[in-house]
Structure formats: C-alpha cells, structure tokens
Amino acid sequence: MSEVQIPPTQSQTDVTGPRTYVIDTNVLLYDPQALFAFDEHDIILPMTVIEEIDRFKRDLNETGRNARTISRYLDQLRERGSLHDGIPLDDGGVLRVEYATHGPELPITWGAESNDNRILTQVLKLRRERKGYVALITRDTNMRLKCDALGVPAEDYENAHIAVDEQYSGVTERVVSEELIDEIHATGQVQLEALDGHGALYAQQIVILSAEAAPAKTAMVRVDLRRRRLRKVARHKEGVWGIFARNKEQLFALELLLDDEIHLVTLNGSAGTGKTLLAIAAGLKKVADEGQFRKLLVSRPIFPLGKDIGFLPGDVGEKLNPWMKPIYDNLEFLLTTNSGPPSTGRADDRRGKQAPEPEYQYLIDQKIIEVEPLTYIRGRSIPNQYLIVDEAQNLTPHEIKTVLTRAGEGTKIVLTGDPEQIDNPYVDALSNGLTYTVERFKQSEIAGHVTLRKGERSPLAELAAQLL
C-alpha cells in the first residue's frame, strides 16, 4: 500500500487566501445553523456526512430533530443550484457536497474502512486539489487527534463555545468606606451610585463589601438595577422548609430563589453543594406555603433529551423512578427534616404487608409537586409554575432555549447543574446550555446566577469533589 503524500501543514494562526472547511457530522447535529456560520468561506460536506445525517434523522430526540432540520436546509438550498457544482451562500461562500470515488490511502495501521476514515480521506484529497487553507471542523476530539497525526488542520466548532474570559460566578467583592457599610446595615439599602468608580456590576449580582479601614467589617448586597440601588441580602433566619444556608453562596442562592421579581435563576457548582436541595426547598415554600405559584414542576433530562425511557417494567411513574430518584431523595430529606424520620416499613415487609408510601407521595397526589422528564416538554406552555430543571449541564443551548420558551405568564425557572459533570458527548464545559444561559442572561434584570463552591453533603463528599 502506497504511503500517504501529506501536504505541508498550515498554521491555523497564519492563514491567508481562500479557506475551505470540511464539516463533520457532529457539528451539524449540534447546531444545524452551522451551515451559515462560516462567512465568506467555502463549505464542503462529504457524502459520508449526508449518509450519517440520514441515519440520525429517524431518531425521536433532539439529535433526530437537528438531523431533519439539516436535511430540510439542504433541500431548500437545492433551489439555488446544484449541490454537486456548488450553491452560493448569502455571505459569499459556496456550499458543495462531494463524493470521493478515490483518494489518498490511509496507512494500514489505521484499521478497517470507517466513516471517520472516509471523511479523513476526503480532507486529504481536497488538500491535494485545492489552493489555500483546507481544514476539518469537528467536535470529535479523536478526529482532531487523527488529523494532527496526518498533518491536517482540524478545528473545533467555535460557535459551540461561549466567549468568556472568566466564567461568571454571580458574586464579586468591593472595598468601600466604613460609613457606607454602616448605612447599609442601618437602612438595608443604598443608592447604586455609591459604588461608582468601583467597576462594572451586573443586574442581580451579589456584592460582598468590606471596609477599607476595617476589613473585618462587611456587608452583603444585591444589585437592583431597576431601582438603582444596592439591597442588603436577607439572612432567612427562620429557614426554608427546614433548610438553613450553611455558607455565603447558599445564602445568595436563597436570595435569588425567593425573589418573585427574578424569573430565571441559574445555579452551578460541584456535587454536594446543595443546588437541587435549595431549589426544591424554595419551590415548596413558594407553592405550598405562600401559594405564589400553582405547582412545583421538577424535571431533569433523561439523557439525551427526548430519549425513550426504555423497557423498564411498570407504568410511566415506575419507569421514571430510577431517573428521578435524586429528586425524590431531596424531597424525602426535606420532609424528614420537617416532620421527623419516616417509617422504613421494614417490619411490614417482613410480615408480607405492603410498605407505606413515601411521605412526598402526598404532595404528588395533591398536585403540589410534579416530577417528570424533559422528554415531552416541546410544544407545551407552562404558566404560573415554579419549574426546576436539574442536570441542565447536559442540555445544548438549543435544548435550553426549548425549555425557557415554554415559560408562560408568572412562571419561574431554575436551572441547576455542574459543568464539570457532563454526560452529553455533544457539549463540554464551555458549550453546554447551562454555561451558555449564565453568560447570555448575566445582564438581564429578571435573571440571577450564583456559583456554589463549598460542598455541604458530607466531609467525604466534599473531599472527593476536591481530590477526584
């Protein structure tokens, strides 16, 4: 077998002249709009990509919907010309579908022919034939590694990553005069102009103030851009459904969760920081105690979004139980905290009797709480509800948009998750829907965000989060 003739590698930072981008399937499945994201540069879709799109379009999940969207886009573009000869795009580039009947042979050590290897062969062929910069755009890390081994430029899909210098935590610190802190403690608020010259602030951002002359003297305030003031953060000494904030970040989270003027709250942090527990406790207070919302709706993606829940035995509730167990665990903890330890039912089990229902079942029976997957949320309208979406880091920005646009009048949405624990192969820490939402909404007056940092589940859980 002949050796591959590899052209000289071009630096991605020193690119002049025309550019040609070969798009991998995973880019289109992540973002169907990727066809129109490359400005005046040419786009090549290998026939292998079209075949993979055809295979995915039968799936009844978000990936399948994106595959069908791509197929519709390509079919509409055919009205402008031939995909074989090239179709001009609005920004000046040309889109072409190419089928390589032959091309450079990959080294025999690369194994049997596969879709990935067919795409790599196509990229090598294009680099031989075309002038200028030719690169593969792929979200697959291993494909980028293969390209590097072949001396072929490969790039990640830049539109998948939110541009951030430092991820927004929702909390900042400022050094001010001792008199200003005294005024805040005395009146509970101060004009926003008091921090002029101390750097830009975002709406609903928490600001920890310390005195310049006495650093131990502090105050914690929240930015209220609508009223142009800084409001002192409430202490919530009475607790929320038996839950008390154990650190500053948890206190800040409760501040946002219990404010009816904030319609979107995002909470991220590592395992055991209390994200889901705080959100559910605040939701129960707003629904069951205050009647501010009609129902508490708690949901989480059965990964991936829209995937069939499988052939688990029982009705829908029994099928969902393994997926929703973390939610039920939090509900059980809250009710145990409020009413004492529940009966385990073990004695009844030994006598052959049915174990008692869990204490949270009453809340479900009374329609105070509803726990369901995100599978069927598309097309719904959810008015006057307190909606919690757990594990939101596994959603793409498009899926998050689908969730947020379901909110009807009077609905509050809480997104919780850990960007460091992602199971979705199509997203990462900077391209997942939770991180995307935090960055896009940080200047909105009806949205707030807090990053929780300290684990409170147990000393072991906190140590594992740090060391592992």
Protein backbone atom coordinates (compact mmCIF):
# COMPACT_ATOMS: atom_id res chain seq x y z
CA MET A 1 0.00 0.00 0.00
CA SER A 2 1.41 3.36 -1.00
CA GLU A 3 2.30 5.96 1.56
CA VAL A 4 0.08 8.99 2.05
CA GLN A 5 1.53 12.12 0.46
CA ILE A 6 0.87 14.78 3.07
CA PRO A 7 1.00 18.45 2.08
CA PRO A 8 2.89 20.86 4.31
CA THR A 9 0.91 21.66 7.44
CA GLN A 10 -0.56 25.16 7.51
CA SER A 11 -0.62 27.13 10.73
CA GLN A 12 -4.11 27.98 11.88
CA THR A 13 -2.84 31.32 13.11
CA ASP A 14 -1.24 32.21 9.77
CA VAL A 15 -3.99 31.70 7.24
CA THR A 16 -4.15 33.82 4.10
CA GLY A 17 -6.13 33.43 0.91
CA PRO A 18 -9.25 31.34 0.39
CA ARG A 19 -10.39 28.90 3.04
CA THR A 20 -12.27 25.64 2.70
CA TYR A 21 -13.92 24.00 5.69
CA VAL A 22 -14.97 20.34 5.68
CA ILE A 23 -17.81 19.93 8.18
CA ASP A 24 -18.10 16.77 10.28
CA THR A 25 -21.48 15.25 11.11
CA ASN A 26 -21.31 16.02 14.83
CA VAL A 27 -21.09 19.76 14.13
CA LEU A 28 -24.36 19.73 12.20
CA LEU A 29 -26.08 17.54 14.80
CA TYR A 30 -25.02 20.02 17.48
CA ASP A 31 -26.03 23.15 15.55
CA PRO A 32 -27.97 22.95 12.26
CA GLN A 33 -27.21 26.65 11.76
CA ALA A 34 -23.52 25.74 11.31
CA LEU A 35 -24.09 25.73 7.54
CA PHE A 36 -24.37 29.51 7.69
CA ALA A 37 -21.67 30.27 10.28
CA PHE A 38 -18.54 30.40 8.10
CA ASP A 39 -18.96 33.83 6.48
CA GLU A 40 -17.44 34.05 3.00
CA HIS A 41 -15.54 30.76 3.17
CA ASP A 42 -16.37 27.60 1.22
CA ILE A 43 -18.04 24.63 2.92
CA ILE A 44 -17.63 21.01 1.87
CA LEU A 45 -19.97 18.27 3.09
CA PRO A 46 -18.62 14.78 2.35
CA MET A 47 -21.26 12.33 1.14
CA THR A 48 -20.47 10.28 4.25
CA VAL A 49 -21.87 13.13 6.36
CA ILE A 50 -25.10 13.12 4.35
CA GLU A 51 -25.40 9.37 4.90
CA GLU A 52 -24.89 9.76 8.65
CA ILE A 53 -27.46 12.57 8.78
CA ASP A 54 -29.91 10.23 7.05
CA ARG A 55 -29.31 7.58 9.72
CA PHE A 56 -29.87 10.00 12.60
CA LYS A 57 -32.99 11.69 11.25
CA ARG A 58 -35.19 8.77 12.32
CA ASP A 59 -34.36 9.30 16.00
CA LEU A 60 -37.14 10.79 18.12
CA ASN A 61 -34.86 13.05 20.13
CA GLU A 62 -33.06 16.36 19.75
CA THR A 63 -30.34 14.79 17.61
CA GLY A 64 -33.00 13.43 15.25
CA ARG A 65 -34.72 16.81 15.05
CA ASN A 66 -31.42 18.50 14.20
CA ALA A 67 -30.74 15.88 11.52
CA ARG A 68 -34.16 16.51 9.95
CA THR A 69 -33.54 20.27 10.10
CA ILE A 70 -30.25 19.86 8.23
CA SER A 71 -31.98 17.77 5.57
CA ARG A 72 -34.61 20.48 5.10
CA TYR A 73 -31.97 23.20 4.86
CA LEU A 74 -30.08 21.28 2.18
CA ASP A 75 -33.27 20.57 0.25
CA GLN A 76 -34.18 24.27 0.28
CA LEU A 77 -30.68 25.24 -0.85
CA ARG A 78 -31.06 22.96 -3.88
CA GLU A 79 -33.48 25.52 -5.28
CA ARG A 80 -30.50 27.86 -5.77
CA GLY A 81 -28.45 25.40 -7.75
CA SER A 82 -26.67 22.07 -7.69
CA LEU A 83 -25.09 20.71 -4.53
CA HIS A 84 -22.58 18.93 -6.77
CA ASP A 85 -21.47 22.09 -8.58
CA GLY A 86 -21.76 24.34 -5.53
CA ILE A 87 -24.50 26.58 -4.16
CA PRO A 88 -23.69 30.22 -3.31
CA LEU A 89 -24.50 31.22 0.27
CA ASP A 90 -25.69 34.63 1.42
CA ASP A 91 -22.34 35.63 2.97
CA GLY A 92 -20.36 34.85 -0.19
CA GLY A 93 -19.20 31.30 0.44
CA VAL A 94 -20.09 28.22 -1.59
CA LEU A 95 -21.62 25.01 -0.21
CA ARG A 96 -20.76 21.79 -2.00
CA VAL A 97 -21.48 18.11 -1.37
CA GLU A 98 -18.65 15.94 -2.63
CA TYR A 99 -18.30 12.21 -3.05
CA ALA A 100 -14.74 10.89 -3.30
CA THR A 101 -14.60 7.84 -5.56
CA HIS A 102 -10.90 7.59 -4.82
CA GLY A 103 -8.32 9.39 -2.77
CA PRO A 104 -5.13 9.01 -0.72
CA GLU A 105 -4.97 5.72 1.10
CA LEU A 106 -4.57 5.87 4.85
CA PRO A 107 -1.76 3.86 6.49
CA ILE A 108 -2.68 0.22 7.01
CA THR A 109 -2.35 0.69 10.78
CA TRP A 110 -5.48 2.87 10.73
CA GLY A 111 -7.63 -0.24 10.55
CA ALA A 112 -10.70 -1.09 8.52
CA GLU A 113 -12.60 1.45 6.50
CA SER A 114 -14.96 3.57 8.62
CA ASN A 115 -16.98 6.75 8.22
CA ASP A 116 -14.32 8.73 10.08
CA ASN A 117 -11.60 7.39 7.81
CA ARG A 118 -13.68 8.16 4.70
CA ILE A 119 -14.00 11.77 5.85
CA LEU A 120 -10.26 11.96 6.54
CA THR A 121 -9.57 10.58 3.06
CA GLN A 122 -11.82 13.27 1.60
CA VAL A 123 -9.97 16.00 3.52
CA LEU A 124 -6.61 14.71 2.29
CA LYS A 125 -7.90 14.66 -1.29
CA LEU A 126 -9.17 18.24 -1.01
CA ARG A 127 -5.86 19.43 0.38
CA ARG A 128 -4.12 17.99 -2.69
CA GLU A 129 -6.53 19.57 -5.14
CA ARG A 130 -7.38 22.95 -3.62
CA LYS A 131 -5.30 26.01 -3.05
CA GLY A 132 -5.42 27.83 0.24
CA TYR A 133 -6.36 26.64 3.70
CA VAL A 134 -8.33 23.39 3.98
CA ALA A 135 -9.39 22.21 7.43
CA LEU A 136 -11.79 19.78 9.07
CA ILE A 137 -14.31 21.26 11.53
CA THR A 138 -15.28 18.63 14.09
CA ARG A 139 -16.43 18.40 17.69
CA ASP A 140 -14.88 14.94 17.97
CA THR A 141 -11.62 15.15 19.93
CA ASN A 142 -10.33 11.87 18.47
CA MET A 143 -10.95 13.11 14.93
CA ARG A 144 -8.85 16.18 15.68
CA LEU A 145 -6.12 13.89 17.03
CA LYS A 146 -6.22 11.80 13.85
CA CYS A 147 -5.99 14.92 11.73
CA ASP A 148 -3.00 16.11 13.69
CA ALA A 149 -1.31 12.74 13.15
CA LEU A 150 -1.87 13.14 9.40
CA GLY A 151 -0.69 16.75 9.38
CA VAL A 152 -4.16 18.01 8.51
CA PRO A 153 -5.52 21.18 10.15
CA ALA A 154 -8.55 20.47 12.34
CA GLU A 155 -10.56 22.92 14.42
CA ASP A 156 -13.33 22.71 16.95
CA TYR A 157 -16.60 24.42 16.10
CA GLU A 158 -16.04 27.87 17.60
CA ASN A 159 -19.72 28.81 17.67
CA ALA A 160 -20.22 25.99 20.18
CA HIS A 161 -18.25 27.83 22.84
CA ILE A 162 -19.42 30.89 24.68
CA ALA A 163 -16.69 33.52 24.71
CA VAL A 164 -15.74 34.19 28.32
CA ASP A 165 -12.53 35.48 29.85
CA GLU A 166 -13.61 34.15 33.23
CA GLN A 167 -16.82 32.31 33.93
CA TYR A 168 -19.37 34.50 35.65
CA SER A 169 -19.93 33.43 39.27
CA GLY A 170 -22.65 35.94 40.17
CA VAL A 171 -20.61 37.16 43.14
CA THR A 172 -17.98 39.89 43.35
CA GLU A 173 -16.14 41.85 46.03
CA ARG A 174 -15.54 45.56 46.55
CA VAL A 175 -13.67 47.65 49.14
CA VAL A 176 -15.63 50.71 50.31
CA SER A 177 -15.74 53.17 53.15
CA GLU A 178 -16.80 52.17 56.65
CA GLU A 179 -19.58 54.78 56.54
CA LEU A 180 -21.18 53.13 53.52
CA ILE A 181 -21.30 49.75 55.26
CA ASP A 182 -22.84 51.36 58.35
CA GLU A 183 -25.54 52.96 56.17
CA ILE A 184 -26.36 49.60 54.57
CA HIS A 185 -26.76 47.90 57.96
CA ALA A 186 -28.88 50.79 59.24
CA THR A 187 -31.26 51.21 56.27
CA GLY A 188 -31.00 47.89 54.41
CA GLN A 189 -30.12 49.60 51.14
CA VAL A 190 -28.04 52.31 49.49
CA GLN A 191 -28.06 54.07 46.14
CA LEU A 192 -26.22 52.26 43.36
CA GLU A 193 -24.22 55.39 42.64
CA ALA A 194 -22.37 54.77 45.90
CA LEU A 195 -20.24 52.25 44.00
CA ASP A 196 -19.45 54.49 41.05
CA GLY A 197 -15.81 54.11 40.17
CA HIS A 198 -15.59 50.61 41.68
CA GLY A 199 -16.00 48.73 38.39
CA ALA A 200 -18.95 47.50 36.36
CA LEU A 201 -21.70 45.49 38.03
CA TYR A 202 -24.35 43.19 36.58
CA ALA A 203 -28.04 43.03 37.39
CA GLN A 204 -28.85 40.81 40.42
CA GLN A 205 -25.12 40.36 41.11
CA ILE A 206 -24.16 39.78 44.73
CA VAL A 207 -21.53 42.21 46.04
CA ILE A 208 -19.53 41.48 49.20
CA LEU A 209 -18.42 44.82 50.62
CA SER A 210 -15.56 45.20 53.09
CA ALA A 211 -14.43 48.35 54.85
CA GLU A 212 -11.16 49.85 53.73
CA ALA A 213 -10.06 50.80 57.25
CA ALA A 214 -11.57 47.72 58.95
CA PRO A 215 -11.55 44.68 56.60
CA ALA A 216 -13.46 42.58 59.13
CA LYS A 217 -16.45 44.91 58.78
CA THR A 218 -18.51 43.65 55.85
CA ALA A 219 -21.91 43.81 54.20
CA MET A 220 -23.53 41.70 51.51
CA VAL A 221 -25.79 43.42 48.97
CA ARG A 222 -27.55 42.60 45.70
CA VAL A 223 -27.54 44.88 42.67
CA ASP A 224 -31.04 46.17 41.81
CA LEU A 225 -30.54 47.97 38.50
CA ARG A 226 -34.25 48.62 38.03
CA ARG A 227 -34.46 50.75 41.20
CA ARG A 228 -30.83 51.88 41.00
CA ARG A 229 -29.93 50.63 44.46
CA LEU A 230 -27.99 48.03 46.41
CA ARG A 231 -30.24 45.88 48.62
CA LYS A 232 -28.94 44.10 51.70
CA VAL A 233 -29.06 40.32 51.38
CA ALA A 234 -31.65 38.78 53.73
CA ARG A 235 -30.47 36.25 56.32
CA HIS A 236 -33.51 33.91 56.26
CA LYS A 237 -33.01 33.03 59.92
CA GLU A 238 -36.29 31.09 60.02
CA GLY A 239 -35.06 28.68 57.36
CA VAL A 240 -36.79 27.44 54.23
CA TRP A 241 -38.65 24.18 54.76
CA GLY A 242 -36.20 23.28 57.49
CA ILE A 243 -33.19 24.18 55.35
CA PHE A 244 -30.71 26.81 56.55
CA ALA A 245 -27.92 28.28 54.46
CA ARG A 246 -24.59 26.83 55.57
CA ASN A 247 -22.36 29.22 53.65
CA LYS A 248 -22.48 32.57 51.85
CA GLU A 249 -23.17 31.12 48.41
CA GLN A 250 -26.16 29.15 49.68
CA LEU A 251 -27.49 32.33 51.29
CA PHE A 252 -27.08 34.15 47.97
CA ALA A 253 -28.89 31.32 46.17
CA LEU A 254 -31.88 31.61 48.53
CA GLU A 255 -31.89 35.37 47.94
CA LEU A 256 -32.49 34.78 44.23
CA LEU A 257 -34.73 31.74 44.55
CA LEU A 258 -37.20 33.52 46.86
CA ASP A 259 -37.43 36.78 44.89
CA ASP A 260 -40.59 36.74 42.75
CA GLU A 261 -39.23 39.51 40.50
CA ILE A 262 -36.48 37.18 39.25
CA HIS A 263 -37.92 34.78 36.66
CA LEU A 264 -34.75 32.83 35.84
CA VAL A 265 -32.20 31.55 38.35
CA THR A 266 -29.13 29.54 37.38
CA LEU A 267 -27.13 27.63 39.99
CA ASN A 268 -23.98 25.69 39.23
CA GLY A 269 -21.43 24.01 41.43
CA SER A 270 -19.82 20.68 42.17
CA ALA A 271 -21.61 17.69 43.68
CA GLY A 272 -22.97 18.20 47.18
CA THR A 273 -23.10 22.00 47.17
CA GLY A 274 -26.88 21.98 47.66
CA LYS A 275 -28.07 23.26 44.29
CA THR A 276 -31.08 20.97 43.87
CA LEU A 277 -32.00 20.86 47.55
CA LEU A 278 -32.12 24.66 47.87
CA ALA A 279 -34.13 24.99 44.66
CA ILE A 280 -36.73 22.42 45.77
CA ALA A 281 -36.98 23.90 49.29
CA ALA A 282 -37.55 27.39 47.86
CA GLY A 283 -40.08 26.00 45.40
CA LEU A 284 -42.06 24.25 48.14
CA LYS A 285 -42.13 27.45 50.18
CA LYS A 286 -43.43 29.44 47.22
CA VAL A 287 -46.00 26.84 46.18
CA ALA A 288 -47.17 25.09 49.36
CA ASP A 289 -46.71 27.88 51.92
CA GLU A 290 -47.23 31.14 50.04
CA GLY A 291 -49.35 29.97 47.09
CA GLN A 292 -47.34 32.22 44.79
CA PHE A 293 -47.24 29.53 42.10
CA ARG A 294 -49.79 26.92 41.13
CA LYS A 295 -47.41 23.95 41.10
CA LEU A 296 -43.80 22.93 41.61
CA LEU A 297 -42.60 21.13 38.48
CA VAL A 298 -39.26 19.35 38.86
CA SER A 299 -37.63 17.88 35.78
CA ARG A 300 -34.34 16.55 34.56
CA PRO A 301 -33.16 15.26 31.17
CA ILE A 302 -33.29 11.55 30.60
CA PHE A 303 -30.12 11.82 28.66
CA PRO A 304 -30.18 12.65 25.85
CA LEU A 305 -33.16 14.98 25.75
CA GLY A 306 -36.15 13.14 24.33
CA LYS A 307 -34.62 9.65 24.50
CA ASP A 308 -37.11 6.83 25.01
CA ILE A 309 -37.19 5.75 28.67
CA GLY A 310 -36.80 2.17 27.57
CA PHE A 311 -38.44 -1.09 28.52
CA LEU A 312 -38.46 -0.71 32.29
CA PRO A 313 -41.38 -2.54 33.92
CA GLY A 314 -44.48 -0.78 35.21
CA ASP A 315 -46.37 2.37 34.35
CA VAL A 316 -44.82 5.74 33.49
CA GLY A 317 -44.24 6.60 37.14
CA GLU A 318 -42.42 3.33 37.79
CA LYS A 319 -40.35 3.72 34.63
CA LEU A 320 -39.30 7.23 35.67
CA ASN A 321 -38.39 6.29 39.24
CA PRO A 322 -34.72 5.32 38.53
CA TRP A 323 -34.16 8.53 36.57
CA MET A 324 -35.91 10.78 39.09
CA LYS A 325 -34.52 9.14 42.22
CA PRO A 326 -32.21 12.11 43.00
CA ILE A 327 -35.27 14.38 43.07
CA TYR A 328 -37.18 12.00 45.31
CA ASP A 329 -34.16 11.75 47.64
CA ASN A 330 -34.17 15.53 48.09
CA LEU A 331 -37.93 15.60 48.71
CA GLU A 332 -37.62 12.84 51.28
CA PHE A 333 -34.79 14.70 53.03
CA LEU A 334 -36.85 17.90 53.20
CA LEU A 335 -39.90 16.15 54.61
CA THR A 336 -37.78 14.18 57.09
CA THR A 337 -36.20 17.44 58.26
CA ASN A 338 -39.65 18.96 58.82
CA SER A 339 -41.54 16.05 60.34
CA GLY A 340 -39.00 13.62 61.78
CA PRO A 341 -37.71 10.32 60.43
CA PRO A 342 -40.20 8.50 58.22
CA SER A 343 -41.13 4.91 58.86
CA THR A 344 -38.94 2.49 56.92
CA GLY A 345 -41.70 -0.08 56.52
CA ARG A 346 -39.23 -2.94 57.08
CA ALA A 347 -41.38 -4.63 59.74
CA ASP A 348 -44.37 -4.62 57.42
CA ASP A 349 -42.22 -6.07 54.67
CA ARG A 350 -41.19 -8.98 56.89
CA ARG A 351 -44.86 -9.74 57.59
CA GLY A 352 -45.68 -9.69 53.91
CA LYS A 353 -47.57 -6.39 54.11
CA GLN A 354 -47.16 -3.52 51.70
CA ALA A 355 -44.60 -0.91 52.75
CA PRO A 356 -46.04 2.57 53.41
CA GLU A 357 -45.90 5.19 50.68
CA PRO A 358 -43.10 7.73 50.88
CA GLU A 359 -44.03 10.96 52.64
CA TYR A 360 -43.62 13.03 49.50
CA GLN A 361 -46.34 10.99 47.76
CA TYR A 362 -48.98 13.18 49.45
CA LEU A 363 -47.54 16.27 47.74
CA ILE A 364 -47.62 14.47 44.39
CA ASP A 365 -51.20 13.23 44.93
CA GLN A 366 -52.32 16.77 45.78
CA LYS A 367 -50.68 18.10 42.59
CA ILE A 368 -48.40 20.36 44.63
CA ILE A 369 -45.35 18.70 43.08
CA GLU A 370 -45.00 17.12 39.68
CA VAL A 371 -41.85 15.24 38.71
CA GLU A 372 -41.33 14.44 35.05
CA PRO A 373 -38.63 14.14 32.38
CA LEU A 374 -37.95 16.76 29.74
CA THR A 375 -38.90 14.24 27.07
CA TYR A 376 -42.27 15.74 26.21
CA ILE A 377 -41.73 19.43 27.03
CA ARG A 378 -41.59 20.59 23.41
CA GLY A 379 -44.81 22.36 22.43
CA ARG A 380 -46.03 22.82 25.99
CA SER A 381 -46.96 26.10 27.67
CA ILE A 382 -46.22 26.22 31.42
CA PRO A 383 -47.95 29.17 33.15
CA ASN A 384 -47.73 30.14 36.85
CA GLN A 385 -45.41 27.31 37.87
CA TYR A 386 -42.09 27.00 39.68
CA LEU A 387 -40.04 24.93 37.22
CA ILE A 388 -36.75 23.35 38.29
CA VAL A 389 -34.55 21.74 35.62
CA ASP A 390 -31.85 19.63 37.24
CA GLU A 391 -28.66 18.46 35.48
CA ALA A 392 -29.02 21.30 32.97
CA GLN A 393 -25.34 20.98 32.00
CA ASN A 394 -26.32 18.01 29.83
CA LEU A 395 -28.50 20.18 27.60
CA THR A 396 -27.35 22.00 24.48
CA PRO A 397 -28.06 25.73 24.08
CA HIS A 398 -30.85 24.85 21.65
CA GLU A 399 -32.44 22.50 24.18
CA ILE A 400 -32.20 25.15 26.90
CA LYS A 401 -33.94 27.57 24.56
CA THR A 402 -36.70 24.99 24.08
CA VAL A 403 -37.15 24.79 27.87
CA LEU A 404 -37.07 28.53 28.54
CA THR A 405 -39.54 29.33 25.78
CA ARG A 406 -42.09 27.04 27.45
CA ALA A 407 -42.45 29.53 30.33
CA GLY A 408 -45.89 31.07 30.47
CA GLU A 409 -47.11 34.09 32.42
CA GLY A 410 -45.98 34.03 36.05
CA THR A 411 -43.59 31.08 35.72
CA LYS A 412 -40.16 30.98 37.36
CA ILE A 413 -37.44 28.67 36.01
CA VAL A 414 -34.45 27.41 37.99
CA LEU A 415 -31.59 25.68 36.16
CA THR A 416 -29.13 23.67 38.24
CA GLY A 417 -26.10 21.63 37.24
CA ASP A 418 -22.37 21.06 37.30
CA PRO A 419 -20.49 21.91 34.07
CA GLU A 420 -17.71 19.58 35.20
CA GLN A 421 -20.01 16.52 35.16
CA ILE A 422 -21.24 16.27 31.59
CA ASP A 423 -22.53 13.05 30.06
CA ASN A 424 -23.60 14.52 26.71
CA PRO A 425 -20.88 13.87 24.09
CA TYR A 426 -22.02 16.89 22.05
CA VAL A 427 -21.26 19.52 24.71
CA ASP A 428 -18.43 20.43 27.06
CA ALA A 429 -17.81 22.82 29.95
CA LEU A 430 -17.97 25.90 27.70
CA SER A 431 -20.61 24.83 25.18
CA ASN A 432 -23.34 23.34 27.36
CA GLY A 433 -26.69 25.01 27.76
CA LEU A 434 -26.22 25.94 31.43
CA THR A 435 -22.97 27.84 30.87
CA TYR A 436 -24.44 29.42 27.74
CA THR A 437 -27.50 30.65 29.65
CA VAL A 438 -25.42 32.06 32.52
CA GLU A 439 -23.32 34.13 30.13
CA ARG A 440 -26.20 35.32 27.95
CA PHE A 441 -28.50 36.32 30.83
CA LYS A 442 -25.98 37.92 33.19
CA GLN A 443 -27.06 41.43 32.18
CA SER A 444 -30.80 40.74 32.45
CA GLU A 445 -32.78 42.30 35.31
CA ILE A 446 -35.07 39.26 35.57
CA ALA A 447 -32.27 36.70 35.83
CA GLY A 448 -29.74 35.88 38.53
CA HIS A 449 -26.86 33.45 38.96
CA VAL A 450 -24.76 32.04 41.79
CA THR A 451 -21.90 29.55 41.66
CA LEU A 452 -21.87 27.38 44.78
CA ARG A 453 -18.37 26.33 45.77
CA LYS A 454 -18.43 24.60 49.17
CA GLY A 455 -19.79 21.07 49.44
CA GLU A 456 -22.15 20.50 52.35
CA ARG A 457 -23.33 16.94 51.72
CA SER A 458 -20.69 15.35 53.93
CA PRO A 459 -16.96 15.71 54.65
CA LEU A 460 -16.33 12.65 52.45
CA ALA A 461 -18.31 14.05 49.52
CA GLU A 462 -16.53 17.40 49.79
CA LEU A 463 -13.11 15.73 49.90
CA ALA A 464 -13.96 13.52 46.93
CA ALA A 465 -15.08 16.55 44.90
CA GLN A 466 -11.75 18.25 45.62
CA LEU A 467 -9.37 15.31 45.22
CA LEU A 468 -11.03 13.33 42.43
